C-alpha atoms as a PDB file:
ATOM      1  CA  MET A   1      13.689  -4.533   4.997  1.00  0.00           C
ATOM      2  CA  HIS A   2      10.774  -5.950   3.456  1.00  0.00           C
ATOM      3  CA  ILE A   3       8.520  -4.160   1.980  1.00  0.00           C
ATOM      4  CA  ALA A   4       5.590  -4.466   0.246  1.00  0.00           C
ATOM      5  CA  LEU A   5       3.886  -2.528  -2.345  1.00  0.00           C
ATOM      6  CA  ILE A   6       0.053  -3.034  -3.412  1.00  0.00           C
ATOM      7  CA  ALA A   7      -1.872  -1.405  -6.278  1.00  0.00           C
ATOM      8  CA  THR A   8      -4.884  -1.417  -5.571  1.00  0.00           C
ATOM      9  CA  SER A   9      -6.329  -0.470  -9.076  1.00  0.00           C
ATOM     10  CA  SER A  10      -7.777  -3.499 -10.785  1.00  0.00           C
ATOM     11  CA  ARG A  11      -7.527  -2.391 -13.837  1.00  0.00           C
ATOM     12  CA  PRO A  12      -5.341  -3.642 -16.503  1.00  0.00           C
ATOM     13  CA  ASN A  13      -2.043  -1.508 -16.516  1.00  0.00           C
ATOM     14  CA  SER A  14      -2.976   1.195 -14.190  1.00  0.00           C
ATOM     15  CA  ASN A  15      -1.789   4.227 -13.116  1.00  0.00           C
ATOM     16  CA  SER A  16      -1.474   2.501  -8.932  1.00  0.00           C
ATOM     17  CA  LEU A  17       0.719  -0.175 -10.668  1.00  0.00           C
ATOM     18  CA  ARG A  18       3.051   2.339 -12.773  1.00  0.00           C
ATOM     19  CA  PHE A  19       3.244   3.630  -9.531  1.00  0.00           C
ATOM     20  CA  VAL A  20       4.363   1.113  -6.812  1.00  0.00           C
ATOM     21  CA  ASN A  21       6.693  -0.008 -10.084  1.00  0.00           C
ATOM     22  CA  TYR A  22       8.612   3.649  -9.537  1.00  0.00           C
ATOM     23  CA  LEU A  23       9.129   2.883  -6.156  1.00  0.00           C
ATOM     24  CA  ASN A  24      10.299  -0.717  -6.968  1.00  0.00           C
ATOM     25  CA  ASN A  25      12.742   0.798  -9.638  1.00  0.00           C
ATOM     26  CA  LEU A  26      13.525   3.677  -6.703  1.00  0.00           C
ATOM     27  CA  LEU A  27      14.180   0.818  -4.097  1.00  0.00           C
ATOM     28  CA  ALA A  28      16.234  -0.893  -6.285  1.00  0.00           C
ATOM     29  CA  GLU A  29      18.715   2.195  -6.327  1.00  0.00           C
ATOM     30  CA  THR A  30      20.867   1.197  -3.071  1.00  0.00           C
ATOM     31  CA  ASN A  31      19.836  -2.990  -3.167  1.00  0.00           C
ATOM     32  CA  GLN A  32      19.138  -2.265   0.705  1.00  0.00           C
ATOM     33  CA  HIS A  33      15.668  -4.069   0.463  1.00  0.00           C
ATOM     34  CA  THR A  34      13.328  -7.086  -0.136  1.00  0.00           C
ATOM     35  CA  VAL A  35      10.578  -6.110  -1.969  1.00  0.00           C
ATOM     36  CA  THR A  36       7.078  -7.895  -2.967  1.00  0.00           C
ATOM     37  CA  ILE A  37       4.625  -5.969  -6.098  1.00  0.00           C
ATOM     38  CA  VAL A  38       0.566  -7.106  -5.329  1.00  0.00           C
ATOM     39  CA  ASN A  39      -1.672  -6.192  -8.207  1.00  0.00           C
ATOM     40  CA  TYR A  40      -5.284  -5.999  -7.900  1.00  0.00           C
ATOM     41  CA  GLU A  41      -5.776  -6.827 -11.037  1.00  0.00           C
ATOM     42  CA  HIS A  42      -6.637 -10.767 -10.105  1.00  0.00           C
ATOM     43  CA  TYR A  43      -8.728  -9.428  -7.267  1.00  0.00           C
ATOM     44  CA  ASP A  44     -11.516 -11.746  -5.673  1.00  0.00           C
ATOM     45  CA  ILE A  45     -12.275 -10.731  -2.029  1.00  0.00           C
ATOM     46  CA  PRO A  46     -15.943 -11.526  -1.658  1.00  0.00           C
ATOM     47  CA  PHE A  47     -17.626  -7.957  -0.604  1.00  0.00           C
ATOM     48  CA  ALA A  48     -18.168  -8.014   3.290  1.00  0.00           C
ATOM     49  CA  GLY A  49     -22.222  -8.832   3.722  1.00  0.00           C
ATOM     50  CA  GLN A  50     -21.971 -11.417   0.847  1.00  0.00           C
ATOM     51  CA  GLY A  51     -18.893 -13.435   1.522  1.00  0.00           C
ATOM     52  CA  TRP A  52     -15.760 -13.513   3.813  1.00  0.00           C
ATOM     53  CA  LEU A  53     -12.082 -14.854   3.406  1.00  0.00           C
ATOM     54  CA  ASN A  54     -11.401 -18.599   5.028  1.00  0.00           C
ATOM     55  CA  ALA A  55      -7.824 -18.272   6.020  1.00  0.00           C
ATOM     56  CA  ASP A  56      -7.290 -22.244   5.426  1.00  0.00           C
ATOM     57  CA  ALA A  57      -8.608 -21.839   1.687  1.00  0.00           C
ATOM     58  CA  LEU A  58      -7.680 -18.458   0.182  1.00  0.00           C
ATOM     59  CA  THR A  59      -7.960 -18.271  -3.721  1.00  0.00           C
ATOM     60  CA  PRO A  60      -3.993 -17.686  -5.427  1.00  0.00           C
ATOM     61  CA  PHE A  61      -4.802 -13.680  -5.671  1.00  0.00           C
ATOM     62  CA  GLN A  62      -5.831 -14.048  -1.483  1.00  0.00           C
ATOM     63  CA  GLN A  63      -2.633 -16.179  -0.942  1.00  0.00           C
ATOM     64  CA  GLU A  64      -0.121 -13.857  -2.899  1.00  0.00           C
ATOM     65  CA  LEU A  65      -1.396 -10.598  -0.766  1.00  0.00           C
ATOM     66  CA  THR A  66      -1.572 -11.855   2.838  1.00  0.00           C
ATOM     67  CA  THR A  67       1.673 -13.386   2.327  1.00  0.00           C
ATOM     68  CA  ALA A  68       2.967 -10.107   0.777  1.00  0.00           C
ATOM     69  CA  TRP A  69       1.640  -8.251   3.294  1.00  0.00           C
ATOM     70  CA  ALA A  70       2.401 -10.679   6.369  1.00  0.00           C
ATOM     71  CA  SER A  71       6.053 -10.826   5.757  1.00  0.00           C
ATOM     72  CA  ALA A  72       7.017  -7.211   5.254  1.00  0.00           C
ATOM     73  CA  ASP A  73       8.164  -4.710   8.081  1.00  0.00           C
ATOM     74  CA  LEU A  74       6.410  -1.914   5.865  1.00  0.00           C
ATOM     75  CA  VAL A  75       3.499  -2.117   4.045  1.00  0.00           C
ATOM     76  CA  ILE A  76       2.955   0.753   1.229  1.00  0.00           C
ATOM     77  CA  PHE A  77      -0.553   0.743  -0.439  1.00  0.00           C
ATOM     78  CA  ALA A  78      -0.962   2.845  -3.668  1.00  0.00           C
ATOM     79  CA  LEU A  79      -5.133   3.644  -3.628  1.00  0.00           C
ATOM     80  CA  PRO A  80      -6.272   5.465  -7.094  1.00  0.00           C
ATOM     81  CA  GLU A  81      -9.496   7.889  -6.187  1.00  0.00           C
ATOM     82  CA  TYR A  82     -12.229   6.900  -7.547  1.00  0.00           C
ATOM     83  CA  ASN A  83     -15.317  10.012  -6.712  1.00  0.00           C
ATOM     84  CA  TRP A  84     -13.318  11.007  -4.078  1.00  0.00           C
ATOM     85  CA  THR A  85     -12.070   7.913  -2.111  1.00  0.00           C
ATOM     86  CA  ALA A  86     -10.684   4.440  -2.396  1.00  0.00           C
ATOM     87  CA  PRO A  87     -12.113   2.044  -4.751  1.00  0.00           C
ATOM     88  CA  ALA A  88     -13.892  -0.618  -3.399  1.00  0.00           C
ATOM     89  CA  GLN A  89     -11.719  -3.518  -3.744  1.00  0.00           C
ATOM     90  CA  ALA A  90      -9.353  -1.642  -1.369  1.00  0.00           C
ATOM     91  CA  THR A  91     -11.778  -0.570   0.753  1.00  0.00           C
ATOM     92  CA  ASN A  92     -13.212  -4.466   1.281  1.00  0.00           C
ATOM     93  CA  ALA A  93     -10.176  -5.661   1.587  1.00  0.00           C
ATOM     94  CA  ILE A  94      -9.053  -3.700   4.295  1.00  0.00           C
ATOM     95  CA  HIS A  95     -13.006  -4.639   6.037  1.00  0.00           C
ATOM     96  CA  GLN A  96     -12.539  -8.682   5.276  1.00  0.00           C
ATOM     97  CA  LEU A  97      -8.885  -8.503   6.254  1.00  0.00           C
ATOM     98  CA  GLY A  98      -9.385  -6.817   9.595  1.00  0.00           C
ATOM     99  CA  THR A  99     -10.430  -9.851  11.347  1.00  0.00           C
ATOM    100  CA  PRO A 100      -9.389 -11.889  14.212  1.00  0.00           C
ATOM    101  CA  ALA A 101      -7.865 -14.872  11.387  1.00  0.00           C
ATOM    102  CA  PHE A 102      -5.649 -12.089   9.808  1.00  0.00           C
ATOM    103  CA  LYS A 103      -5.024 -10.309  13.145  1.00  0.00           C
ATOM    104  CA  HIS A 104      -1.077 -10.291  12.044  1.00  0.00           C
ATOM    105  CA  LEU A 105      -1.568  -8.234   9.077  1.00  0.00           C
ATOM    106  CA  PHE A 106      -1.884  -5.232  11.060  1.00  0.00           C
ATOM    107  CA  ALA A 107       1.137  -6.736  13.927  1.00  0.00           C
ATOM    108  CA  ASP A 108       4.636  -5.247  14.176  1.00  0.00           C
ATOM    109  CA  LYS A 109       4.683  -2.900  10.944  1.00  0.00           C
ATOM    110  CA  VAL A 110       4.493   0.046   9.201  1.00  0.00           C
ATOM    111  CA  PHE A 111       2.099   1.493   6.652  1.00  0.00           C
ATOM    112  CA  ALA A 112       2.150   4.221   4.429  1.00  0.00           C
ATOM    113  CA  MET A 113      -1.074   6.040   1.726  1.00  0.00           C
ATOM    114  CA  VAL A 114      -0.602   6.879  -1.765  1.00  0.00           C
ATOM    115  CA  GLY A 115      -2.890   8.833  -3.524  1.00  0.00           C
ATOM    116  CA  ILE A 116      -3.440   8.300  -7.156  1.00  0.00           C
ATOM    117  CA  SER A 117      -4.728  10.067  -9.742  1.00  0.00           C
ATOM    118  CA  ASN A 118      -4.485  11.141 -13.282  1.00  0.00           C
ATOM    119  CA  GLY A 119      -5.084  14.885 -12.564  1.00  0.00           C
ATOM    120  CA  ARG A 120      -4.723  16.815  -9.570  1.00  0.00           C
ATOM    121  CA  GLY A 121      -6.201  14.539  -6.742  1.00  0.00           C
ATOM    122  CA  GLY A 122      -4.891  11.607  -4.489  1.00  0.00           C
ATOM    123  CA  ARG A 123      -5.548  13.402  -1.251  1.00  0.00           C
ATOM    124  CA  GLN A 124      -8.514  12.038   0.059  1.00  0.00           C
ATOM    125  CA  PRO A 125      -8.114   7.791  -0.747  1.00  0.00           C
ATOM    126  CA  ALA A 126      -4.974   7.731   1.610  1.00  0.00           C
ATOM    127  CA  LEU A 127      -7.141  10.097   4.345  1.00  0.00           C
ATOM    128  CA  ASP A 128      -9.984   7.182   4.393  1.00  0.00           C
ATOM    129  CA  MET A 129      -7.323   4.264   4.035  1.00  0.00           C
ATOM    130  CA  GLY A 130      -5.392   5.231   6.612  1.00  0.00           C
ATOM    131  CA  THR A 131      -8.011   6.137   9.573  1.00  0.00           C
ATOM    132  CA  VAL A 132      -9.632   3.222   8.796  1.00  0.00           C
ATOM    133  CA  VAL A 133      -6.262   0.865   9.180  1.00  0.00           C
ATOM    134  CA  ASN A 134      -5.449   2.796  11.938  1.00  0.00           C
ATOM    135  CA  LYS A 135      -8.732   2.180  13.535  1.00  0.00           C
ATOM    136  CA  ILE A 136      -8.184  -1.551  12.499  1.00  0.00           C
ATOM    137  CA  ILE A 137      -4.714  -1.362  14.632  1.00  0.00           C
ATOM    138  CA  SER A 138      -6.110  -0.120  17.799  1.00  0.00           C
ATOM    139  CA  PHE A 139      -9.456  -2.832  17.514  1.00  0.00           C
ATOM    140  CA  THR A 140      -7.063  -5.501  17.343  1.00  0.00           C
ATOM    141  CA  ASN A 141      -4.678  -3.704  20.016  1.00  0.00           C
ATOM    142  CA  SER A 142      -1.582  -4.138  17.757  1.00  0.00           C
ATOM    143  CA  SER A 143       1.680  -2.684  17.625  1.00  0.00           C
ATOM    144  CA  SER A 144       1.573  -0.440  14.414  1.00  0.00           C
ATOM    145  CA  ILE A 145       1.777   2.856  13.109  1.00  0.00           C
ATOM    146  CA  VAL A 146       0.689   4.549   9.976  1.00  0.00           C
ATOM    147  CA  SER A 147       2.977   6.523   8.741  1.00  0.00           C
ATOM    148  CA  PRO A 148       2.113  10.066   8.958  1.00  0.00           C
ATOM    149  CA  LYS A 149       3.352  11.572   5.877  1.00  0.00           C
ATOM    150  CA  LEU A 150       1.289  10.987   2.563  1.00  0.00           C
ATOM    151  CA  TYR A 151       1.762  11.242  -0.968  1.00  0.00           C
ATOM    152  CA  GLU A 152      -0.576  12.455  -3.654  1.00  0.00           C
ATOM    153  CA  SER A 153       0.525  10.947  -7.101  1.00  0.00           C
ATOM    154  CA  HIS A 154      -0.714  13.503  -8.995  1.00  0.00           C
ATOM    155  CA  GLU A 155      -1.152  13.319 -12.710  1.00  0.00           C
ATOM    156  CA  THR A 156       0.464  10.394 -12.471  1.00  0.00           C
ATOM    157  CA  ASP A 157       0.133   9.029 -15.997  1.00  0.00           C
ATOM    158  CA  LYS A 158       2.181  11.841 -17.789  1.00  0.00           C
ATOM    159  CA  ASN A 159       4.987  11.259 -15.065  1.00  0.00           C
ATOM    160  CA  ILE A 160       5.305   7.952 -14.734  1.00  0.00           C
ATOM    161  CA  ASP A 161       5.302   5.234 -17.737  1.00  0.00           C
ATOM    162  CA  PRO A 162       3.908   2.137 -17.747  1.00  0.00           C
ATOM    163  CA  ASN A 163       7.427   0.437 -16.701  1.00  0.00           C
ATOM    164  CA  GLY A 164       7.453   2.190 -13.518  1.00  0.00           C
ATOM    165  CA  GLN A 165      10.043   4.830 -15.300  1.00  0.00           C
ATOM    166  CA  PHE A 166      10.151   8.417 -14.427  1.00  0.00           C
ATOM    167  CA  VAL A 167       9.113  10.704 -17.842  1.00  0.00           C
ATOM    168  CA  GLY A 168       7.895  13.425 -16.447  1.00  0.00           C
ATOM    169  CA  HIS A 169       8.805  16.871 -14.035  1.00  0.00           C
ATOM    170  CA  GLU A 170      11.389  17.005 -11.679  1.00  0.00           C
ATOM    171  CA  VAL A 171       8.743  18.469  -8.953  1.00  0.00           C
ATOM    172  CA  TYR A 172       7.261  14.512  -8.839  1.00  0.00           C
ATOM    173  CA  GLU A 173      10.318  12.953  -8.737  1.00  0.00           C
ATOM    174  CA  ARG A 174      11.548  14.769  -6.035  1.00  0.00           C
ATOM    175  CA  THR A 175       8.938  14.658  -4.199  1.00  0.00           C
ATOM    176  CA  VAL A 176       8.759  11.115  -4.614  1.00  0.00           C
ATOM    177  CA  ARG A 177      11.641  10.790  -3.041  1.00  0.00           C
ATOM    178  CA  SER A 178      10.934  13.125  -0.686  1.00  0.00           C
ATOM    179  CA  PHE A 179       8.204  10.670   0.566  1.00  0.00           C
ATOM    180  CA  LEU A 180      10.075   7.677   0.468  1.00  0.00           C
ATOM    181  CA  ASP A 181      12.697   8.692   2.411  1.00  0.00           C
ATOM    182  CA  TYR A 182      10.147   9.785   4.694  1.00  0.00           C
ATOM    183  CA  THR A 183       8.296   6.828   4.788  1.00  0.00           C
ATOM    184  CA  LEU A 184      11.855   3.813   4.945  1.00  0.00           C
ATOM    185  CA  THR A 185      13.189   6.451   8.484  1.00  0.00           C
ATOM    186  CA  VAL A 186      10.378   6.145  10.424  1.00  0.00           C
ATOM    187  CA  ALA A 187       9.738   2.394   9.370  1.00  0.00           C
ATOM    188  CA  GLN A 188      13.500   1.600  10.007  1.00  0.00           C
ATOM    189  CA  ARG A 189      13.349   3.828  13.336  1.00  0.00           C
ATOM    190  CA  TRP A 190       9.792   1.244  13.988  1.00  0.00           C
ATOM    191  CA  VAL A 191      10.917  -1.864  12.855  1.00  0.00           C
ATOM    192  CA  GLY A 192      14.936  -1.462  14.870  1.00  0.00           C
ATOM    193  CA  ALA A 193      12.697  -0.391  18.522  1.00  0.00           C
ATOM    194  CA  GLU A 194      10.786  -3.421  17.731  1.00  0.00           C
ATOM    195  CA  GLN A 195      13.176  -5.476  17.791  1.00  0.00           C
ATOM    196  CA  THR A 196      15.439  -4.547  20.695  1.00  0.00           C
ATOM    197  CA  ALA A 197      11.840  -4.684  22.562  1.00  0.00           C
END
């Protein structure tokens, strides 16, 4: 399975990047998946209402994001919580890519949402992004789903080091593995069903 792990924080060495590196390390244990990591540190998508994306003239970051996303069967967004919702960059990217020119990004995929916090938060950005992605899937009449199980990464910097190595509480590791196993099961069923349809 092709998996895109998207860290939607534009901060260097963000907790979102720690989390996707951790997921990448867990996925590497089985050596069964092709994983691409996209980091928003070089984010340059114009804000909605101030510009738009030209599918024929993408910047290197835009090309990296859309290529990884397009080739993925499973797209996992790691969304930092800013003032109880997703960051502007994450929301804006969905707004700008939810257009006819990029409809293929919402076709034949499973999406999963992770809210990232350095405290006890993360639920709201995952819920908000899941709602918007579901709406775009519906609006574009695409055949994709948002996995119903989201993950709230509490105290991320206390549980994962900058290289994505687990260093924290065993409950954290157990719950991340449970989220990942569930998400992979949903994606494998969906991808298998799509291939036989």
